[in-house]
Amino acid sequence: MNEKKVVEIKNLVKNYGTGGFCTTALKGIDLEIFQNDFIAIMGPSGSGKTTLLNILSTIDKPTQGKVMLDGIDITKISNRDLSKIRRDKIGFIFQDYNLLDTMTLQDNIALPLSLNGASGRICIQKSETLAQMFGLKDHLRKYPYQLSGGQKQRGAACRALITNPEIIFADEPTGALDSRSGKELLECLKMVNDSGQATILMVTHDAFSASYAKDVYILSDGQIRCRLSKGNSRREFYDKIIDVQASMGGDIA
């Protein structure tokens, strides 16, 4: 295991509401993510997986507990510093792509780098390199409406990677894709993770998608119920996830 700890959370608690109307979404979560990990978070609706993702990605704040991102406690810094962390250390892949319709795919991919003040030459070079890896080199001049859903999501993945962030947060990245497009995206994410270019935390309800990760954490009622680790075979890992899903009454999706 790589010794560099990218994310560490301790006793993470998140409450919504007050008094008799208080709901506890997370109940003392502990988790460590190391550089080059590929983690999948699964759980039934209401298990807390989206809340956990929102807190780790700085979108929301915990009620209690510590959240360390690349050695920085993000629960104790200003909004200005949080914005800098989002810009420099975090990449996002959303279910609905979030590409800008008025920009070409290449401009969409290069946008975070351009906003960081990189030169046009660097933006072009890095966007072309990533597009080649994700099978998009021939589509860089196209606009989002000219692309398939799978191409748009692979473009969104390139955009997330272009600033070399410490971690990529992927929220149901295959949720809007057909099975073939979803598999193509997952193969690309696995490739960049295997090559050491990305640490990934993915929230998914789908056992097939989760089987591409190295470790799967299953949440239920705001707590981590179990951790599954991949062996040598993705197919065996998929079967293991399905078995655990069945043992929990099939209520992971």
Protein backbone atom coordinates (compact mmCIF):
# COMPACT_ATOMS: atom_id res chain seq x y z
CA MET A 1 0.00 0.00 0.00
CA ASN A 2 1.25 3.49 -0.83
CA GLU A 3 2.08 5.35 2.39
CA LYS A 4 0.78 8.72 1.24
CA LYS A 5 -2.61 9.26 2.84
CA VAL A 6 -4.83 11.36 0.58
CA VAL A 7 -7.99 11.32 2.73
CA GLU A 8 -8.52 10.49 6.39
CA ILE A 9 -11.82 10.85 8.22
CA LYS A 10 -12.37 10.14 11.91
CA ASN A 11 -15.65 9.81 13.80
CA LEU A 12 -17.58 11.58 11.04
CA VAL A 13 -21.11 12.48 12.08
CA LYS A 14 -23.70 14.38 10.06
CA ASN A 15 -27.06 15.45 11.45
CA TYR A 16 -29.89 17.19 9.64
CA GLY A 17 -32.56 19.13 11.51
CA THR A 18 -32.77 19.87 15.24
CA GLY A 19 -34.45 18.50 18.35
CA GLY A 20 -37.14 15.93 17.74
CA PHE A 21 -36.77 16.45 13.98
CA CYS A 22 -33.08 15.53 13.88
CA THR A 23 -31.94 12.82 11.47
CA THR A 24 -28.45 11.34 11.67
CA ALA A 25 -27.16 10.57 8.18
CA LEU A 26 -23.62 9.50 9.22
CA LYS A 27 -22.84 7.82 12.53
CA GLY A 28 -19.15 7.95 13.34
CA ILE A 29 -17.52 7.00 10.03
CA ASP A 30 -13.78 6.23 9.96
CA LEU A 31 -12.03 5.86 6.60
CA GLU A 32 -8.55 6.18 5.09
CA ILE A 33 -7.79 6.56 1.38
CA PHE A 34 -4.23 6.26 0.14
CA GLN A 35 -2.66 7.51 -3.07
CA ASN A 36 -3.68 5.40 -6.07
CA ASP A 37 -6.57 3.73 -4.24
CA PHE A 38 -9.75 3.09 -6.21
CA ILE A 39 -12.60 3.01 -3.70
CA ALA A 40 -16.28 2.34 -4.40
CA ILE A 41 -18.96 3.30 -1.88
CA MET A 42 -22.22 1.34 -2.09
CA GLY A 43 -25.37 1.34 0.00
CA PRO A 44 -29.17 1.50 -0.16
CA SER A 45 -31.04 4.74 -0.61
CA GLY A 46 -30.68 6.74 2.59
CA SER A 47 -27.55 4.89 3.71
CA GLY A 48 -25.47 8.09 3.77
CA LYS A 49 -23.23 7.48 0.75
CA THR A 50 -24.13 10.75 -1.00
CA THR A 51 -23.77 12.68 2.26
CA LEU A 52 -20.33 11.14 2.73
CA LEU A 53 -19.30 12.08 -0.81
CA ASN A 54 -20.56 15.65 -0.36
CA ILE A 55 -18.55 16.09 2.84
CA LEU A 56 -15.36 14.59 1.43
CA SER A 57 -15.63 16.77 -1.68
CA THR A 58 -16.14 19.93 0.46
CA ILE A 59 -19.70 20.50 -0.77
CA ASP A 60 -21.11 19.93 2.73
CA LYS A 61 -19.72 20.14 6.27
CA PRO A 62 -19.92 17.51 9.03
CA THR A 63 -21.67 18.00 12.35
CA GLN A 64 -18.77 16.31 14.12
CA GLY A 65 -15.46 14.68 13.26
CA LYS A 66 -12.28 15.34 11.34
CA VAL A 67 -11.82 15.33 7.56
CA MET A 68 -8.21 15.48 6.37
CA LEU A 69 -7.52 16.01 2.66
CA ASP A 70 -3.84 15.82 1.70
CA GLY A 71 -2.94 16.64 5.31
CA ILE A 72 -5.33 19.60 5.64
CA ASP A 73 -8.33 19.52 8.00
CA ILE A 74 -10.99 20.87 5.66
CA THR A 75 -13.48 21.30 8.53
CA LYS A 76 -11.38 24.12 9.98
CA ILE A 77 -10.46 26.31 7.02
CA SER A 78 -12.09 29.32 5.40
CA ASN A 79 -14.36 29.20 2.37
CA ARG A 80 -11.62 30.91 0.38
CA ASP A 81 -9.16 28.16 1.24
CA LEU A 82 -11.81 25.53 0.50
CA SER A 83 -12.23 27.01 -2.97
CA LYS A 84 -8.49 26.72 -3.52
CA ILE A 85 -8.54 23.07 -2.45
CA ARG A 86 -11.42 22.32 -4.84
CA ARG A 87 -9.44 23.95 -7.63
CA ASP A 88 -6.07 22.36 -6.94
CA LYS A 89 -6.69 19.02 -5.25
CA ILE A 90 -10.11 17.70 -6.31
CA GLY A 91 -11.59 16.52 -9.60
CA PHE A 92 -15.30 15.79 -10.07
CA ILE A 93 -17.16 13.45 -12.38
CA PHE A 94 -20.92 13.98 -12.20
CA GLN A 95 -23.69 11.72 -13.45
CA ASP A 96 -24.98 14.37 -15.87
CA TYR A 97 -21.59 15.36 -17.42
CA ASN A 98 -21.89 19.13 -16.73
CA LEU A 99 -20.19 20.06 -20.00
CA LEU A 100 -20.74 23.58 -21.36
CA ASP A 101 -22.78 23.46 -24.58
CA THR A 102 -21.15 26.59 -26.05
CA MET A 103 -17.61 25.15 -25.88
CA THR A 104 -15.94 22.40 -27.86
CA LEU A 105 -15.00 19.19 -26.11
CA GLN A 106 -11.36 20.27 -26.07
CA ASP A 107 -12.23 23.60 -24.45
CA ASN A 108 -14.42 21.82 -21.89
CA ILE A 109 -11.59 19.45 -21.00
CA ALA A 110 -9.02 22.26 -20.77
CA LEU A 111 -11.26 24.68 -18.84
CA PRO A 112 -9.98 23.94 -15.28
CA LEU A 113 -6.39 24.23 -16.48
CA SER A 114 -7.14 27.47 -18.34
CA LEU A 115 -8.81 28.96 -15.24
CA ASN A 116 -5.64 28.12 -13.31
CA GLY A 117 -3.67 30.34 -15.70
CA ALA A 118 -1.98 27.66 -17.81
CA SER A 119 -0.77 28.70 -21.26
CA GLY A 120 -2.73 27.79 -24.37
CA ARG A 121 0.06 25.45 -25.44
CA ILE A 122 -0.11 23.49 -22.18
CA CYS A 123 -3.91 23.35 -22.31
CA ILE A 124 -3.85 21.95 -25.85
CA GLN A 125 -1.06 19.48 -25.11
CA LYS A 126 -2.64 18.06 -21.94
CA SER A 127 -6.17 17.91 -23.36
CA GLU A 128 -4.94 16.04 -26.43
CA THR A 129 -2.96 13.58 -24.30
CA LEU A 130 -5.98 12.78 -22.12
CA ALA A 131 -8.32 12.62 -25.12
CA GLN A 132 -6.02 10.06 -26.71
CA MET A 133 -6.14 7.92 -23.56
CA PHE A 134 -9.94 8.08 -23.42
CA GLY A 135 -10.53 7.45 -27.12
CA LEU A 136 -11.66 11.01 -27.85
CA LYS A 137 -8.85 12.37 -30.03
CA ASP A 138 -11.09 12.56 -33.12
CA HIS A 139 -13.89 14.38 -31.25
CA LEU A 140 -12.06 17.33 -29.70
CA ARG A 141 -13.49 19.89 -32.14
CA LYS A 142 -17.06 18.74 -31.60
CA TYR A 143 -19.61 20.35 -29.29
CA PRO A 144 -21.41 18.35 -26.58
CA TYR A 145 -24.63 18.06 -28.62
CA GLN A 146 -22.62 16.24 -31.29
CA LEU A 147 -21.38 13.58 -28.85
CA SER A 148 -22.87 10.41 -27.40
CA GLY A 149 -23.49 10.11 -23.69
CA GLY A 150 -20.45 7.89 -23.29
CA GLN A 151 -18.22 10.35 -25.14
CA LYS A 152 -19.48 13.22 -23.01
CA GLN A 153 -18.82 11.31 -19.79
CA ARG A 154 -15.32 10.32 -20.90
CA GLY A 155 -14.77 13.99 -21.72
CA ALA A 156 -15.93 14.89 -18.21
CA ALA A 157 -13.42 12.38 -16.83
CA CYS A 158 -10.64 14.02 -18.85
CA ARG A 159 -11.68 17.41 -17.48
CA ALA A 160 -11.51 16.02 -13.93
CA LEU A 161 -8.00 14.68 -14.50
CA ILE A 162 -6.40 17.59 -16.35
CA THR A 163 -5.18 19.48 -13.26
CA ASN A 164 -3.60 16.33 -11.76
CA PRO A 165 -5.77 16.50 -8.61
CA GLU A 166 -5.03 14.52 -5.46
CA ILE A 167 -8.34 12.66 -5.78
CA ILE A 168 -11.23 12.20 -8.21
CA PHE A 169 -14.76 12.05 -6.78
CA ALA A 170 -17.17 10.25 -9.12
CA ASP A 171 -20.88 10.40 -8.30
CA GLU A 172 -22.74 7.56 -10.10
CA PRO A 173 -20.59 8.17 -13.22
CA THR A 174 -22.28 5.38 -15.22
CA GLY A 175 -25.81 6.16 -14.04
CA ALA A 176 -26.89 7.88 -17.27
CA LEU A 177 -25.02 5.54 -19.64
CA ASP A 178 -25.94 2.36 -21.45
CA SER A 179 -24.01 -0.78 -20.50
CA ARG A 180 -21.46 -0.50 -23.32
CA SER A 181 -20.70 3.18 -22.68
CA GLY A 182 -20.52 2.55 -18.95
CA LYS A 183 -18.02 -0.26 -19.44
CA GLU A 184 -15.86 1.94 -21.71
CA LEU A 185 -15.76 4.66 -19.04
CA LEU A 186 -14.92 2.18 -16.27
CA GLU A 187 -12.13 0.64 -18.35
CA CYS A 188 -10.67 4.12 -18.85
CA LEU A 189 -10.88 4.95 -15.15
CA LYS A 190 -9.24 1.64 -14.26
CA MET A 191 -6.49 2.33 -16.79
CA VAL A 192 -5.57 5.73 -15.35
CA ASN A 193 -5.75 4.32 -11.82
CA ASP A 194 -3.57 1.31 -12.69
CA SER A 195 -1.02 3.63 -14.29
CA GLY A 196 -0.78 5.69 -11.09
CA GLN A 197 -2.41 8.81 -12.51
CA ALA A 198 -5.51 8.95 -10.32
CA THR A 199 -6.85 8.20 -6.85
CA ILE A 200 -10.58 7.61 -7.21
CA LEU A 201 -13.56 7.49 -4.86
CA MET A 202 -16.72 6.45 -6.67
CA VAL A 203 -20.27 6.29 -5.32
CA THR A 204 -22.35 3.72 -7.17
CA HIS A 205 -25.38 1.49 -6.72
CA ASP A 206 -24.18 -0.91 -9.40
CA ALA A 207 -22.19 -4.05 -8.51
CA PHE A 208 -20.69 -4.22 -12.01
CA SER A 209 -19.30 -0.68 -11.70
CA ALA A 210 -18.07 -1.35 -8.17
CA SER A 211 -16.17 -4.42 -9.34
CA TYR A 212 -13.72 -2.13 -11.18
CA ALA A 213 -12.60 -0.66 -7.84
CA LYS A 214 -9.88 -2.12 -5.64
CA ASP A 215 -11.97 -1.92 -2.47
CA VAL A 216 -15.71 -1.60 -1.87
CA TYR A 217 -17.21 -0.14 1.31
CA ILE A 218 -20.87 -0.87 1.95
CA LEU A 219 -22.82 1.66 3.99
CA SER A 220 -26.10 1.05 5.79
CA ASP A 221 -27.89 3.37 8.22
CA GLY A 222 -24.99 5.81 8.22
CA GLN A 223 -22.31 3.27 9.11
CA ILE A 224 -19.75 1.21 7.21
CA ARG A 225 -21.02 -2.37 7.46
CA CYS A 226 -18.23 -4.13 5.57
CA ARG A 227 -15.23 -3.73 3.31
CA LEU A 228 -14.56 -5.97 0.32
CA SER A 229 -11.17 -6.14 -1.38
CA LYS A 230 -10.46 -7.32 -4.91
CA GLY A 231 -8.30 -10.37 -5.52
CA ASN A 232 -6.86 -11.28 -8.90
CA SER A 233 -10.17 -11.52 -10.77
CA ARG A 234 -12.70 -8.77 -11.38
CA ARG A 235 -15.32 -11.44 -12.11
CA GLU A 236 -14.76 -13.05 -8.71
CA PHE A 237 -14.92 -9.64 -7.08
CA TYR A 238 -18.23 -8.96 -8.80
CA ASP A 239 -19.59 -12.28 -7.54
CA LYS A 240 -18.43 -11.41 -4.01
CA ILE A 241 -20.25 -8.07 -4.16
CA ILE A 242 -23.40 -9.78 -5.41
CA ASP A 243 -23.19 -12.35 -2.58
CA VAL A 244 -22.95 -9.60 0.03
CA GLN A 245 -25.80 -7.77 -1.66
CA ALA A 246 -27.93 -10.92 -1.43
CA SER A 247 -27.00 -11.43 2.23
CA MET A 248 -28.27 -7.92 2.96
CA GLY A 249 -31.58 -8.66 1.32
CA GLY A 250 -30.50 -7.30 -2.06
CA ASP A 251 -30.88 -3.80 -0.67
CA ILE A 252 -27.69 -2.13 -1.88
CA ALA A 253 -29.05 -0.59 -5.07
